[in-house]
């Protein structure tokens, strides 16, 4: 029996933390760029610095600088996008967390995504 106080996990895929230096760029235009937090076969989350003009692109580019890995034009849908409380109250920059859901992946994109998760994760999130 599930307690009313416990959150119910609705994700279909296990999430994984990734290597430092893994980035996500949403576009076009590429107004949201930042480090990835975690990833699964169903989607990912990342942080970015909020700019005045918010862009909602339809594709994500995933790249890992140290491994020369780049996965382009992954079709996405934005699931959540919210401001993250900054540890430094004097900071004027606004950091946001964005959650994306993958959809309509090609066979090649799904294979590359699976390869990325298997080879570049640092543990379960």
PDB file of N, CA and C in Angstrom:
ATOM      1  N   UNK A   1       0.825  -1.165   0.000  1.00  0.00           N
ATOM      2  CA  UNK A   1       0.000   0.000   0.000  1.00  0.00           C
ATOM      3  C   UNK A   1       0.885   1.250   0.000  1.00  0.00           C
ATOM      4  N   UNK A   2       0.553   2.238  -0.813  1.00  0.00           N
ATOM      5  CA  UNK A   2       1.330   3.455  -0.931  1.00  0.00           C
ATOM      6  C   UNK A   2       0.788   4.505   0.025  1.00  0.00           C
ATOM      7  N   UNK A   3       1.708   5.112   0.764  1.00  0.00           N
ATOM      8  CA  UNK A   3       1.321   6.175   1.681  1.00  0.00           C
ATOM      9  C   UNK A   3       0.988   7.438   0.889  1.00  0.00           C
ATOM     10  N   UNK A   4       0.064   8.229   1.379  1.00  0.00           N
ATOM     11  CA  UNK A   4      -0.311   9.468   0.706  1.00  0.00           C
ATOM     12  C   UNK A   4       0.818  10.484   0.719  1.00  0.00           C
ATOM     13  N   UNK A   5       1.771  10.343   1.644  1.00  0.00           N
ATOM     14  CA  UNK A   5       2.880  11.281   1.760  1.00  0.00           C
ATOM     15  C   UNK A   5       4.049  10.945   0.848  1.00  0.00           C
ATOM     16  N   UNK A   6       4.112   9.738   0.328  1.00  0.00           N
ATOM     17  CA  UNK A   6       5.219   9.325  -0.521  1.00  0.00           C
ATOM     18  C   UNK A   6       4.906   9.641  -1.980  1.00  0.00           C
ATOM     19  N   UNK A   7       5.869  10.298  -2.673  1.00  0.00           N
ATOM     20  CA  UNK A   7       5.625  10.581  -4.087  1.00  0.00           C
ATOM     21  C   UNK A   7       5.638   9.288  -4.909  1.00  0.00           C
ATOM     22  N   UNK A   8       4.818   9.244  -5.923  1.00  0.00           N
ATOM     23  CA  UNK A   8       4.740   8.070  -6.781  1.00  0.00           C
ATOM     24  C   UNK A   8       5.644   8.292  -7.985  1.00  0.00           C
ATOM     25  N   UNK A   9       6.544   7.355  -8.234  1.00  0.00           N
ATOM     26  CA  UNK A   9       7.449   7.443  -9.377  1.00  0.00           C
ATOM     27  C   UNK A   9       6.677   7.073 -10.632  1.00  0.00           C
ATOM     28  N   UNK A  10       6.632   7.994 -11.594  1.00  0.00           N
ATOM     29  CA  UNK A  10       5.878   7.757 -12.817  1.00  0.00           C
ATOM     30  C   UNK A  10       6.781   7.543 -14.030  1.00  0.00           C
ATOM     31  N   UNK A  11       8.070   7.657 -13.853  1.00  0.00           N
ATOM     32  CA  UNK A  11       8.978   7.489 -14.981  1.00  0.00           C
ATOM     33  C   UNK A  11       9.010   6.030 -15.411  1.00  0.00           C
ATOM     34  N   UNK A  12       9.129   5.829 -16.717  1.00  0.00           N
ATOM     35  CA  UNK A  12       9.185   4.479 -17.276  1.00  0.00           C
ATOM     36  C   UNK A  12      10.615   3.977 -17.421  1.00  0.00           C
ATOM     37  N   UNK A  13      11.588   4.903 -17.375  1.00  0.00           N
ATOM     38  CA  UNK A  13      12.981   4.559 -17.619  1.00  0.00           C
ATOM     39  C   UNK A  13      13.853   4.980 -16.438  1.00  0.00           C
ATOM     40  N   UNK A  14      14.885   4.174 -16.158  1.00  0.00           N
ATOM     41  CA  UNK A  14      15.843   4.526 -15.107  1.00  0.00           C
ATOM     42  C   UNK A  14      16.651   5.732 -15.551  1.00  0.00           C
ATOM     43  N   UNK A  15      16.899   6.641 -14.606  1.00  0.00           N
ATOM     44  CA  UNK A  15      17.695   7.834 -14.886  1.00  0.00           C
ATOM     45  C   UNK A  15      19.130   7.620 -14.431  1.00  0.00           C
ATOM     46  N   UNK A  16      20.059   8.249 -15.165  1.00  0.00           N
ATOM     47  CA  UNK A  16      21.472   8.118 -14.859  1.00  0.00           C
ATOM     48  C   UNK A  16      22.147   9.481 -14.811  1.00  0.00           C
ATOM     49  N   UNK A  17      23.058   9.638 -13.862  1.00  0.00           N
ATOM     50  CA  UNK A  17      23.907  10.820 -13.823  1.00  0.00           C
ATOM     51  C   UNK A  17      24.962  10.655 -14.910  1.00  0.00           C
ATOM     52  N   UNK A  18      25.493  11.765 -15.389  1.00  0.00           N
ATOM     53  CA  UNK A  18      26.428  11.717 -16.512  1.00  0.00           C
ATOM     54  C   UNK A  18      27.757  12.376 -16.169  1.00  0.00           C
ATOM     55  N   UNK A  19      28.756  12.115 -17.018  1.00  0.00           N
ATOM     56  CA  UNK A  19      30.085  12.700 -16.849  1.00  0.00           C
ATOM     57  C   UNK A  19      30.012  14.222 -16.824  1.00  0.00           C
ATOM     58  N   UNK A  20      30.888  14.810 -16.033  1.00  0.00           N
ATOM     59  CA  UNK A  20      31.058  16.263 -16.045  1.00  0.00           C
ATOM     60  C   UNK A  20      31.524  16.660 -17.455  1.00  0.00           C
ATOM     61  N   UNK A  21      30.967  17.702 -17.996  1.00  0.00           N
ATOM     62  CA  UNK A  21      31.324  18.123 -19.345  1.00  0.00           C
ATOM     63  C   UNK A  21      30.315  17.686 -20.388  1.00  0.00           C
ATOM     64  N   UNK A  22      29.170  17.145 -19.924  1.00  0.00           N
ATOM     65  CA  UNK A  22      28.087  16.789 -20.842  1.00  0.00           C
ATOM     66  C   UNK A  22      27.122  17.971 -20.894  1.00  0.00           C
ATOM     67  N   UNK A  23      26.831  18.433 -22.098  1.00  0.00           N
ATOM     68  CA  UNK A  23      25.997  19.618 -22.268  1.00  0.00           C
ATOM     69  C   UNK A  23      24.815  19.346 -23.191  1.00  0.00           C
ATOM     70  N   UNK A  24      23.809  20.200 -23.041  1.00  0.00           N
ATOM     71  CA  UNK A  24      22.603  20.137 -23.853  1.00  0.00           C
ATOM     72  C   UNK A  24      22.376  21.526 -24.440  1.00  0.00           C
ATOM     73  N   UNK A  25      21.986  21.560 -25.714  1.00  0.00           N
ATOM     74  CA  UNK A  25      21.611  22.814 -26.366  1.00  0.00           C
ATOM     75  C   UNK A  25      20.254  22.602 -27.021  1.00  0.00           C
ATOM     76  N   UNK A  26      19.303  23.479 -26.694  1.00  0.00           N
ATOM     77  CA  UNK A  26      17.953  23.389 -27.244  1.00  0.00           C
ATOM     78  C   UNK A  26      17.803  24.420 -28.357  1.00  0.00           C
ATOM     79  N   UNK A  27      17.258  23.980 -29.474  1.00  0.00           N
ATOM     80  CA  UNK A  27      17.088  24.930 -30.567  1.00  0.00           C
ATOM     81  C   UNK A  27      16.251  24.336 -31.678  1.00  0.00           C
ATOM     82  N   UNK A  28      16.270  24.987 -32.784  1.00  0.00           N
ATOM     83  CA  UNK A  28      16.805  26.335 -32.966  1.00  0.00           C
ATOM     84  C   UNK A  28      15.824  27.382 -32.451  1.00  0.00           C
ATOM     85  N   UNK A  29      16.225  28.576 -32.154  1.00  0.00           N
ATOM     86  CA  UNK A  29      17.594  29.033 -31.946  1.00  0.00           C
ATOM     87  C   UNK A  29      18.136  28.476 -30.628  1.00  0.00           C
ATOM     88  N   UNK A  30      19.425  28.490 -30.465  1.00  0.00           N
ATOM     89  CA  UNK A  30      20.048  27.838 -29.316  1.00  0.00           C
ATOM     90  C   UNK A  30      20.192  28.798 -28.137  1.00  0.00           C
ATOM     91  N   UNK A  31      19.054  29.148 -27.531  1.00  0.00           N
ATOM     92  CA  UNK A  31      19.024  30.065 -26.402  1.00  0.00           C
ATOM     93  C   UNK A  31      19.141  29.380 -25.058  1.00  0.00           C
ATOM     94  N   UNK A  32      18.934  28.066 -25.016  1.00  0.00           N
ATOM     95  CA  UNK A  32      19.064  27.306 -23.769  1.00  0.00           C
ATOM     96  C   UNK A  32      20.210  26.324 -23.950  1.00  0.00           C
ATOM     97  N   UNK A  33      21.315  26.590 -23.245  1.00  0.00           N
ATOM     98  CA  UNK A  33      22.488  25.725 -23.302  1.00  0.00           C
ATOM     99  C   UNK A  33      23.005  25.581 -21.885  1.00  0.00           C
ATOM    100  N   UNK A  34      23.296  24.343 -21.481  1.00  0.00           N
ATOM    101  CA  UNK A  34      23.824  24.156 -20.141  1.00  0.00           C
ATOM    102  C   UNK A  34      24.195  22.727 -19.850  1.00  0.00           C
ATOM    103  N   UNK A  35      24.752  22.495 -18.660  1.00  0.00           N
ATOM    104  CA  UNK A  35      25.195  21.150 -18.283  1.00  0.00           C
ATOM    105  C   UNK A  35      24.019  20.212 -17.998  1.00  0.00           C
ATOM    106  N   UNK A  36      24.165  18.980 -18.449  1.00  0.00           N
ATOM    107  CA  UNK A  36      23.146  17.959 -18.214  1.00  0.00           C
ATOM    108  C   UNK A  36      23.212  17.504 -16.756  1.00  0.00           C
ATOM    109  N   UNK A  37      22.047  17.252 -16.178  1.00  0.00           N
ATOM    110  CA  UNK A  37      21.948  16.738 -14.814  1.00  0.00           C
ATOM    111  C   UNK A  37      21.824  15.220 -14.842  1.00  0.00           C
ATOM    112  N   UNK A  38      20.859  14.725 -15.623  1.00  0.00           N
ATOM    113  CA  UNK A  38      20.658  13.285 -15.733  1.00  0.00           C
ATOM    114  C   UNK A  38      19.962  12.972 -17.054  1.00  0.00           C
ATOM    115  N   UNK A  39      19.942  11.661 -17.376  1.00  0.00           N
ATOM    116  CA  UNK A  39      19.383  11.230 -18.654  1.00  0.00           C
ATOM    117  C   UNK A  39      18.796   9.835 -18.513  1.00  0.00           C
ATOM    118  N   UNK A  40      17.822   9.525 -19.361  1.00  0.00           N
ATOM    119  CA  UNK A  40      17.261   8.177 -19.476  1.00  0.00           C
ATOM    120  C   UNK A  40      16.911   7.975 -20.942  1.00  0.00           C
ATOM    121  N   UNK A  41      16.416   6.811 -21.275  1.00  0.00           N
ATOM    122  CA  UNK A  41      15.979   6.572 -22.650  1.00  0.00           C
ATOM    123  C   UNK A  41      14.723   7.384 -22.966  1.00  0.00           C
ATOM    124  N   UNK A  42      14.072   7.927 -21.949  1.00  0.00           N
ATOM    125  CA  UNK A  42      12.856   8.699 -22.154  1.00  0.00           C
ATOM    126  C   UNK A  42      13.041  10.200 -22.174  1.00  0.00           C
ATOM    127  N   UNK A  43      14.172  10.689 -21.653  1.00  0.00           N
ATOM    128  CA  UNK A  43      14.380  12.128 -21.614  1.00  0.00           C
ATOM    129  C   UNK A  43      15.596  12.503 -20.785  1.00  0.00           C
ATOM    130  N   UNK A  44      15.709  13.793 -20.495  1.00  0.00           N
ATOM    131  CA  UNK A  44      16.860  14.291 -19.742  1.00  0.00           C
ATOM    132  C   UNK A  44      16.482  15.556 -19.000  1.00  0.00           C
ATOM    133  N   UNK A  45      17.364  15.975 -18.100  1.00  0.00           N
ATOM    134  CA  UNK A  45      17.216  17.277 -17.463  1.00  0.00           C
ATOM    135  C   UNK A  45      18.566  17.969 -17.484  1.00  0.00           C
ATOM    136  N   UNK A  46      18.524  19.313 -17.528  1.00  0.00           N
ATOM    137  CA  UNK A  46      19.749  20.100 -17.536  1.00  0.00           C
ATOM    138  C   UNK A  46      19.475  21.460 -16.917  1.00  0.00           C
ATOM    139  N   UNK A  47      20.546  22.173 -16.605  1.00  0.00           N
ATOM    140  CA  UNK A  47      20.452  23.528 -16.066  1.00  0.00           C
ATOM    141  C   UNK A  47      20.946  24.513 -17.104  1.00  0.00           C
ATOM    142  N   UNK A  48      20.387  25.707 -17.067  1.00  0.00           N
ATOM    143  CA  UNK A  48      20.858  26.760 -17.965  1.00  0.00           C
ATOM    144  C   UNK A  48      20.642  28.108 -17.302  1.00  0.00           C
ATOM    145  N   UNK A  49      21.372  29.105 -17.772  1.00  0.00           N
ATOM    146  CA  UNK A  49      21.223  30.461 -17.262  1.00  0.00           C
ATOM    147  C   UNK A  49      20.102  31.118 -18.038  1.00  0.00           C
ATOM    148  N   UNK A  50      19.132  31.606 -17.289  1.00  0.00           N
ATOM    149  CA  UNK A  50      17.957  32.230 -17.895  1.00  0.00           C
ATOM    150  C   UNK A  50      18.336  33.550 -18.559  1.00  0.00           C
ATOM    151  N   UNK A  51      17.859  33.714 -19.788  1.00  0.00           N
ATOM    152  CA  UNK A  51      18.029  34.964 -20.517  1.00  0.00           C
ATOM    153  C   UNK A  51      16.656  35.597 -20.666  1.00  0.00           C
ATOM    154  N   UNK A  52      16.631  36.872 -20.979  1.00  0.00           N
ATOM    155  CA  UNK A  52      15.349  37.576 -21.066  1.00  0.00           C
ATOM    156  C   UNK A  52      14.422  36.945 -22.083  1.00  0.00           C
ATOM    157  N   UNK A  53      14.962  36.569 -23.225  1.00  0.00           N
ATOM    158  CA  UNK A  53      14.135  35.940 -24.248  1.00  0.00           C
ATOM    159  C   UNK A  53      14.215  34.427 -24.093  1.00  0.00           C
ATOM    160  N   UNK A  54      13.101  33.811 -23.757  1.00  0.00           N
ATOM    161  CA  UNK A  54      13.062  32.356 -23.622  1.00  0.00           C
ATOM    162  C   UNK A  54      12.763  31.752 -24.977  1.00  0.00           C
ATOM    163  N   UNK A  55      13.504  30.735 -25.316  1.00  0.00           N
ATOM    164  CA  UNK A  55      13.282  30.050 -26.581  1.00  0.00           C
ATOM    165  C   UNK A  55      12.831  28.630 -26.303  1.00  0.00           C
ATOM    166  N   UNK A  56      11.919  28.154 -27.075  1.00  0.00           N
ATOM    167  CA  UNK A  56      11.444  26.785 -26.948  1.00  0.00           C
ATOM    168  C   UNK A  56      11.705  26.067 -28.256  1.00  0.00           C
ATOM    169  N   UNK A  57      12.883  25.503 -28.383  1.00  0.00           N
ATOM    170  CA  UNK A  57      13.227  24.773 -29.584  1.00  0.00           C
ATOM    171  C   UNK A  57      12.574  23.404 -29.591  1.00  0.00           C
ATOM    172  N   UNK A  58      12.647  22.758 -30.718  1.00  0.00           N
ATOM    173  CA  UNK A  58      12.029  21.442 -30.854  1.00  0.00           C
ATOM    174  C   UNK A  58      13.055  20.311 -30.913  1.00  0.00           C
ATOM    175  N   UNK A  59      14.333  20.662 -30.816  1.00  0.00           N
ATOM    176  CA  UNK A  59      15.396  19.656 -30.873  1.00  0.00           C
ATOM    177  C   UNK A  59      16.410  19.890 -29.767  1.00  0.00           C
ATOM    178  N   UNK A  60      17.038  18.794 -29.348  1.00  0.00           N
ATOM    179  CA  UNK A  60      18.141  18.877 -28.393  1.00  0.00           C
ATOM    180  C   UNK A  60      19.394  18.335 -29.057  1.00  0.00           C
ATOM    181  N   UNK A  61      20.490  19.014 -28.829  1.00  0.00           N
ATOM    182  CA  UNK A  61      21.802  18.510 -29.200  1.00  0.00           C
ATOM    183  C   UNK A  61      22.499  18.146 -27.904  1.00  0.00           C
ATOM    184  N   UNK A  62      23.055  16.948 -27.851  1.00  0.00           N
ATOM    185  CA  UNK A  62      23.741  16.451 -26.659  1.00  0.00           C
ATOM    186  C   UNK A  62      25.208  16.278 -27.029  1.00  0.00           C
ATOM    187  N   UNK A  63      26.097  16.850 -26.196  1.00  0.00           N
ATOM    188  CA  UNK A  63      27.509  16.663 -26.504  1.00  0.00           C
ATOM    189  C   UNK A  63      28.325  16.527 -25.231  1.00  0.00           C
ATOM    190  N   UNK A  64      29.334  15.682 -25.332  1.00  0.00           N
ATOM    191  CA  UNK A  64      30.265  15.418 -24.235  1.00  0.00           C
ATOM    192  C   UNK A  64      31.635  15.848 -24.733  1.00  0.00           C
ATOM    193  N   UNK A  65      32.160  16.909 -24.174  1.00  0.00           N
ATOM    194  CA  UNK A  65      33.374  17.527 -24.691  1.00  0.00           C
ATOM    195  C   UNK A  65      34.585  16.601 -24.632  1.00  0.00           C
ATOM    196  N   UNK A  66      34.753  15.857 -23.551  1.00  0.00           N
ATOM    197  CA  UNK A  66      35.947  15.032 -23.386  1.00  0.00           C
ATOM    198  C   UNK A  66      35.957  13.768 -24.246  1.00  0.00           C
ATOM    199  N   UNK A  67      34.810  13.288 -24.653  1.00  0.00           N
ATOM    200  CA  UNK A  67      34.747  12.029 -25.406  1.00  0.00           C
ATOM    201  C   UNK A  67      34.441  12.252 -26.885  1.00  0.00           C
ATOM    202  N   UNK A  68      34.332  13.502 -27.304  1.00  0.00           N
ATOM    203  CA  UNK A  68      34.018  13.816 -28.697  1.00  0.00           C
ATOM    204  C   UNK A  68      32.713  13.152 -29.130  1.00  0.00           C
ATOM    205  N   UNK A  69      31.729  13.141 -28.213  1.00  0.00           N
ATOM    206  CA  UNK A  69      30.415  12.570 -28.513  1.00  0.00           C
ATOM    207  C   UNK A  69      29.461  13.713 -28.818  1.00  0.00           C
ATOM    208  N   UNK A  70      28.662  13.549 -29.886  1.00  0.00           N
ATOM    209  CA  UNK A  70      27.686  14.573 -30.252  1.00  0.00           C
ATOM    210  C   UNK A  70      26.485  13.894 -30.891  1.00  0.00           C
ATOM    211  N   UNK A  71      25.327  14.088 -30.295  1.00  0.00           N
ATOM    212  CA  UNK A  71      24.071  13.554 -30.823  1.00  0.00           C
ATOM    213  C   UNK A  71      23.213  14.748 -31.194  1.00  0.00           C
ATOM    214  N   UNK A  72      22.890  14.884 -32.476  1.00  0.00           N
ATOM    215  CA  UNK A  72      22.214  16.074 -32.981  1.00  0.00           C
ATOM    216  C   UNK A  72      20.731  15.868 -33.251  1.00  0.00           C
ATOM    217  N   UNK A  73      20.003  16.964 -33.127  1.00  0.00           N
ATOM    218  CA  UNK A  73      18.608  17.076 -33.517  1.00  0.00           C
ATOM    219  C   UNK A  73      17.710  15.967 -32.976  1.00  0.00           C
ATOM    220  N   UNK A  74      17.819  15.730 -31.673  1.00  0.00           N
ATOM    221  CA  UNK A  74      16.949  14.766 -31.012  1.00  0.00           C
ATOM    222  C   UNK A  74      15.605  15.454 -30.764  1.00  0.00           C
ATOM    223  N   UNK A  75      14.512  14.925 -31.308  1.00  0.00           N
ATOM    224  CA  UNK A  75      13.204  15.562 -31.105  1.00  0.00           C
ATOM    225  C   UNK A  75      12.794  15.514 -29.633  1.00  0.00           C
ATOM    226  N   UNK A  76      12.360  16.665 -29.116  1.00  0.00           N
ATOM    227  CA  UNK A  76      12.016  16.757 -27.694  1.00  0.00           C
ATOM    228  C   UNK A  76      10.723  17.529 -27.476  1.00  0.00           C
ATOM    229  N   UNK A  77      10.210  17.332 -26.271  1.00  0.00           N
ATOM    230  CA  UNK A  77       9.080  18.117 -25.781  1.00  0.00           C
ATOM    231  C   UNK A  77       9.483  18.579 -24.383  1.00  0.00           C
ATOM    232  N   UNK A  78       9.335  19.876 -24.099  1.00  0.00           N
ATOM    233  CA  UNK A  78       9.658  20.391 -22.766  1.00  0.00           C
ATOM    234  C   UNK A  78       8.560  19.983 -21.790  1.00  0.00           C
ATOM    235  N   UNK A  79       8.953  19.300 -20.722  1.00  0.00           N
ATOM    236  CA  UNK A  79       8.023  18.806 -19.713  1.00  0.00           C
ATOM    237  C   UNK A  79       7.961  19.754 -18.521  1.00  0.00           C
ATOM    238  N   UNK A  80       9.118  20.286 -18.130  1.00  0.00           N
ATOM    239  CA  UNK A  80       9.150  21.236 -17.023  1.00  0.00           C
ATOM    240  C   UNK A  80      10.278  22.221 -17.236  1.00  0.00           C
ATOM    241  N   UNK A  81      10.137  23.385 -16.651  1.00  0.00           N
ATOM    242  CA  UNK A  81      11.136  24.433 -16.754  1.00  0.00           C
ATOM    243  C   UNK A  81      10.888  25.385 -15.591  1.00  0.00           C
ATOM    244  N   UNK A  82      11.772  25.355 -14.591  1.00  0.00           N
ATOM    245  CA  UNK A  82      11.537  26.172 -13.404  1.00  0.00           C
ATOM    246  C   UNK A  82      12.838  26.757 -12.877  1.00  0.00           C
ATOM    247  N   UNK A  83      12.692  27.860 -12.140  1.00  0.00           N
ATOM    248  CA  UNK A  83      13.849  28.522 -11.557  1.00  0.00           C
ATOM    249  C   UNK A  83      14.386  27.698 -10.400  1.00  0.00           C
ATOM    250  N   UNK A  84      15.716  27.607 -10.334  1.00  0.00           N
ATOM    251  CA  UNK A  84      16.385  26.889  -9.263  1.00  0.00           C
ATOM    252  C   UNK A  84      16.884  27.916  -8.259  1.00  0.00           C
ATOM    253  N   UNK A  85      16.647  27.677  -6.986  1.00  0.00           N
ATOM    254  CA  UNK A  85      17.105  28.592  -5.952  1.00  0.00           C
ATOM    255  C   UNK A  85      18.621  28.584  -5.913  1.00  0.00           C
ATOM    256  N   UNK A  86      19.197  29.757  -6.018  1.00  0.00           N
ATOM    257  CA  UNK A  86      20.652  29.906  -6.026  1.00  0.00           C
ATOM    258  C   UNK A  86      21.171  29.936  -4.589  1.00  0.00           C
ATOM    259  N   UNK A  87      22.332  29.280  -4.379  1.00  0.00           N
ATOM    260  CA  UNK A  87      22.938  29.272  -3.048  1.00  0.00           C
ATOM    261  C   UNK A  87      23.467  30.655  -2.681  1.00  0.00           C
ATOM    262  N   UNK A  88      23.797  31.458  -3.686  1.00  0.00           N
ATOM    263  CA  UNK A  88      24.339  32.791  -3.453  1.00  0.00           C
ATOM    264  C   UNK A  88      23.237  33.829  -3.657  1.00  0.00           C
ATOM    265  N   UNK A  89      22.688  34.374  -2.578  1.00  0.00           N
ATOM    266  CA  UNK A  89      21.584  35.323  -2.707  1.00  0.00           C
ATOM    267  C   UNK A  89      21.974  36.607  -3.437  1.00  0.00           C
ATOM    268  N   UNK A  90      23.267  36.914  -3.519  1.00  0.00           N
ATOM    269  CA  UNK A  90      23.693  38.141  -4.180  1.00  0.00           C
ATOM    270  C   UNK A  90      23.821  37.970  -5.698  1.00  0.00           C
ATOM    271  N   UNK A  91      23.684  36.773  -6.181  1.00  0.00           N
ATOM    272  CA  UNK A  91      23.824  36.521  -7.611  1.00  0.00           C
ATOM    273  C   UNK A  91      22.640  37.099  -8.379  1.00  0.00           C
ATOM    274  N   UNK A  92      22.955  37.783  -9.484  1.00  0.00           N
ATOM    275  CA  UNK A  92      21.885  38.373 -10.301  1.00  0.00           C
ATOM    276  C   UNK A  92      21.456  37.442 -11.434  1.00  0.00           C
ATOM    277  N   UNK A  93      22.199  36.388 -11.654  1.00  0.00           N
ATOM    278  CA  UNK A  93      21.820  35.449 -12.716  1.00  0.00           C
ATOM    279  C   UNK A  93      20.762  34.490 -12.208  1.00  0.00           C
ATOM    280  N   UNK A  94      19.847  34.143 -13.082  1.00  0.00           N
ATOM    281  CA  UNK A  94      18.766  33.217 -12.745  1.00  0.00           C
ATOM    282  C   UNK A  94      19.049  31.881 -13.424  1.00  0.00           C
ATOM    283  N   UNK A  95      19.220  30.849 -12.616  1.00  0.00           N
ATOM    284  CA  UNK A  95      19.448  29.511 -13.147  1.00  0.00           C
ATOM    285  C   UNK A  95      18.126  28.766 -13.164  1.00  0.00           C
ATOM    286  N   UNK A  96      17.903  28.022 -14.242  1.00  0.00           N
ATOM    287  CA  UNK A  96      16.667  27.253 -14.390  1.00  0.00           C
ATOM    288  C   UNK A  96      17.013  25.792 -14.631  1.00  0.00           C
ATOM    289  N   UNK A  97      16.073  24.933 -14.297  1.00  0.00           N
ATOM    290  CA  UNK A  97      16.191  23.504 -14.596  1.00  0.00           C
ATOM    291  C   UNK A  97      15.113  23.173 -15.618  1.00  0.00           C
ATOM    292  N   UNK A  98      15.514  22.445 -16.644  1.00  0.00           N
ATOM    293  CA  UNK A  98      14.608  22.098 -17.731  1.00  0.00           C
ATOM    294  C   UNK A  98      14.566  20.579 -17.871  1.00  0.00           C
ATOM    295  N   UNK A  99      13.373  20.027 -17.962  1.00  0.00           N
ATOM    296  CA  UNK A  99      13.186  18.596 -18.176  1.00  0.00           C
ATOM    297  C   UNK A  99      12.599  18.371 -19.563  1.00  0.00           C
ATOM    298  N   UNK A 100      13.222  17.484 -20.308  1.00  0.00           N
ATOM    299  CA  UNK A 100      12.808  17.211 -21.678  1.00  0.00           C
ATOM    300  C   UNK A 100      12.404  15.756 -21.837  1.00  0.00           C
ATOM    301  N   UNK A 101      11.430  15.523 -22.693  1.00  0.00           N
ATOM    302  CA  UNK A 101      11.010  14.167 -23.033  1.00  0.00           C
ATOM    303  C   UNK A 101      11.365  13.941 -24.495  1.00  0.00           C
ATOM    304  N   UNK A 102      12.000  12.804 -24.782  1.00  0.00           N
ATOM    305  CA  UNK A 102      12.315  12.451 -26.170  1.00  0.00           C
ATOM    306  C   UNK A 102      11.073  11.888 -26.841  1.00  0.00           C
ATOM    307  N   UNK A 103      10.931  12.124 -28.130  1.00  0.00           N
ATOM    308  CA  UNK A 103       9.842  11.505 -28.882  1.00  0.00           C
ATOM    309  C   UNK A 103      10.262  11.351 -30.334  1.00  0.00           C
ATOM    310  N   UNK A 104       9.682  10.390 -31.004  1.00  0.00           N
ATOM    311  CA  UNK A 104       9.931  10.132 -32.427  1.00  0.00           C
ATOM    312  C   UNK A 104      11.407  10.008 -32.770  1.00  0.00           C
ATOM    313  N   UNK A 105      12.163   9.291 -31.918  1.00  0.00           N
ATOM    314  CA  UNK A 105      13.578   9.067 -32.204  1.00  0.00           C
ATOM    315  C   UNK A 105      13.727   8.154 -33.413  1.00  0.00           C
ATOM    316  N   UNK A 106      14.717   8.432 -34.235  1.00  0.00           N
ATOM    317  CA  UNK A 106      15.045   7.510 -35.317  1.00  0.00           C
ATOM    318  C   UNK A 106      15.749   6.306 -34.691  1.00  0.00           C
ATOM    319  N   UNK A 107      15.875   5.239 -35.435  1.00  0.00           N
ATOM    320  CA  UNK A 107      16.579   4.058 -34.942  1.00  0.00           C
ATOM    321  C   UNK A 107      18.021   4.425 -34.594  1.00  0.00           C
ATOM    322  N   UNK A 108      18.662   5.222 -35.438  1.00  0.00           N
ATOM    323  CA  UNK A 108      20.044   5.640 -35.208  1.00  0.00           C
ATOM    324  C   UNK A 108      20.161   6.490 -33.942  1.00  0.00           C
ATOM    325  N   UNK A 109      19.229   7.419 -33.730  1.00  0.00           N
ATOM    326  CA  UNK A 109      19.261   8.249 -32.527  1.00  0.00           C
ATOM    327  C   UNK A 109      19.069   7.405 -31.273  1.00  0.00           C
ATOM    328  N   UNK A 110      18.141   6.459 -31.304  1.00  0.00           N
ATOM    329  CA  UNK A 110      17.908   5.585 -30.152  1.00  0.00           C
ATOM    330  C   UNK A 110      19.155   4.749 -29.858  1.00  0.00           C
ATOM    331  N   UNK A 111      19.822   4.267 -30.892  1.00  0.00           N
ATOM    332  CA  UNK A 111      21.049   3.486 -30.711  1.00  0.00           C
ATOM    333  C   UNK A 111      22.160   4.335 -30.108  1.00  0.00           C
ATOM    334  N   UNK A 112      22.323   5.566 -30.613  1.00  0.00           N
ATOM    335  CA  UNK A 112      23.349   6.459 -30.075  1.00  0.00           C
ATOM    336  C   UNK A 112      23.050   6.855 -28.634  1.00  0.00           C
ATOM    337  N   UNK A 113      21.789   7.068 -28.329  1.00  0.00           N
ATOM    338  CA  UNK A 113      21.382   7.406 -26.973  1.00  0.00           C
ATOM    339  C   UNK A 113      21.679   6.251 -26.019  1.00  0.00           C
ATOM    340  N   UNK A 114      21.346   5.052 -26.434  1.00  0.00           N
ATOM    341  CA  UNK A 114      21.630   3.870 -25.615  1.00  0.00           C
ATOM    342  C   UNK A 114      23.136   3.705 -25.409  1.00  0.00           C
ATOM    343  N   UNK A 115      23.926   3.909 -26.461  1.00  0.00           N
ATOM    344  CA  UNK A 115      25.391   3.847 -26.368  1.00  0.00           C
ATOM    345  C   UNK A 115      25.887   4.881 -25.367  1.00  0.00           C
ATOM    346  N   UNK A 116      25.380   6.104 -25.461  1.00  0.00           N
ATOM    347  CA  UNK A 116      25.790   7.173 -24.560  1.00  0.00           C
ATOM    348  C   UNK A 116      25.508   6.794 -23.105  1.00  0.00           C
ATOM    349  N   UNK A 117      24.306   6.339 -22.822  1.00  0.00           N
ATOM    350  CA  UNK A 117      23.933   5.988 -21.454  1.00  0.00           C
ATOM    351  C   UNK A 117      24.801   4.845 -20.926  1.00  0.00           C
ATOM    352  N   UNK A 118      25.019   3.837 -21.738  1.00  0.00           N
ATOM    353  CA  UNK A 118      25.814   2.683 -21.296  1.00  0.00           C
ATOM    354  C   UNK A 118      27.271   3.044 -21.029  1.00  0.00           C
ATOM    355  N   UNK A 119      27.808   3.981 -21.796  1.00  0.00           N
ATOM    356  CA  UNK A 119      29.249   4.264 -21.717  1.00  0.00           C
ATOM    357  C   UNK A 119      29.638   5.521 -20.948  1.00  0.00           C
ATOM    358  N   UNK A 120      28.703   6.430 -20.729  1.00  0.00           N
ATOM    359  CA  UNK A 120      29.082   7.709 -20.131  1.00  0.00           C
ATOM    360  C   UNK A 120      28.269   8.092 -18.897  1.00  0.00           C
ATOM    361  N   UNK A 121      27.628   7.121 -18.243  1.00  0.00           N
ATOM    362  CA  UNK A 121      26.940   7.450 -16.997  1.00  0.00           C
ATOM    363  C   UNK A 121      27.868   7.226 -15.807  1.00  0.00           C
ATOM    364  N   UNK A 122      27.572   7.911 -14.712  1.00  0.00           N
ATOM    365  CA  UNK A 122      28.385   7.787 -13.503  1.00  0.00           C
ATOM    366  C   UNK A 122      27.636   7.120 -12.364  1.00  0.00           C
ATOM    367  N   UNK A 123      26.404   6.692 -12.633  1.00  0.00           N
ATOM    368  CA  UNK A 123      25.594   6.036 -11.607  1.00  0.00           C
ATOM    369  C   UNK A 123      24.142   6.405 -11.789  1.00  0.00           C
ATOM    370  N   UNK A 124      23.296   5.723 -11.054  1.00  0.00           N
ATOM    371  CA  UNK A 124      21.859   6.030 -11.141  1.00  0.00           C
ATOM    372  C   UNK A 124      21.552   7.326 -10.431  1.00  0.00           C
ATOM    373  N   UNK A 125      20.588   8.034 -10.977  1.00  0.00           N
ATOM    374  CA  UNK A 125      20.173   9.313 -10.377  1.00  0.00           C
ATOM    375  C   UNK A 125      19.079   9.081  -9.365  1.00  0.00           C
TER     376      UNK A 125
END
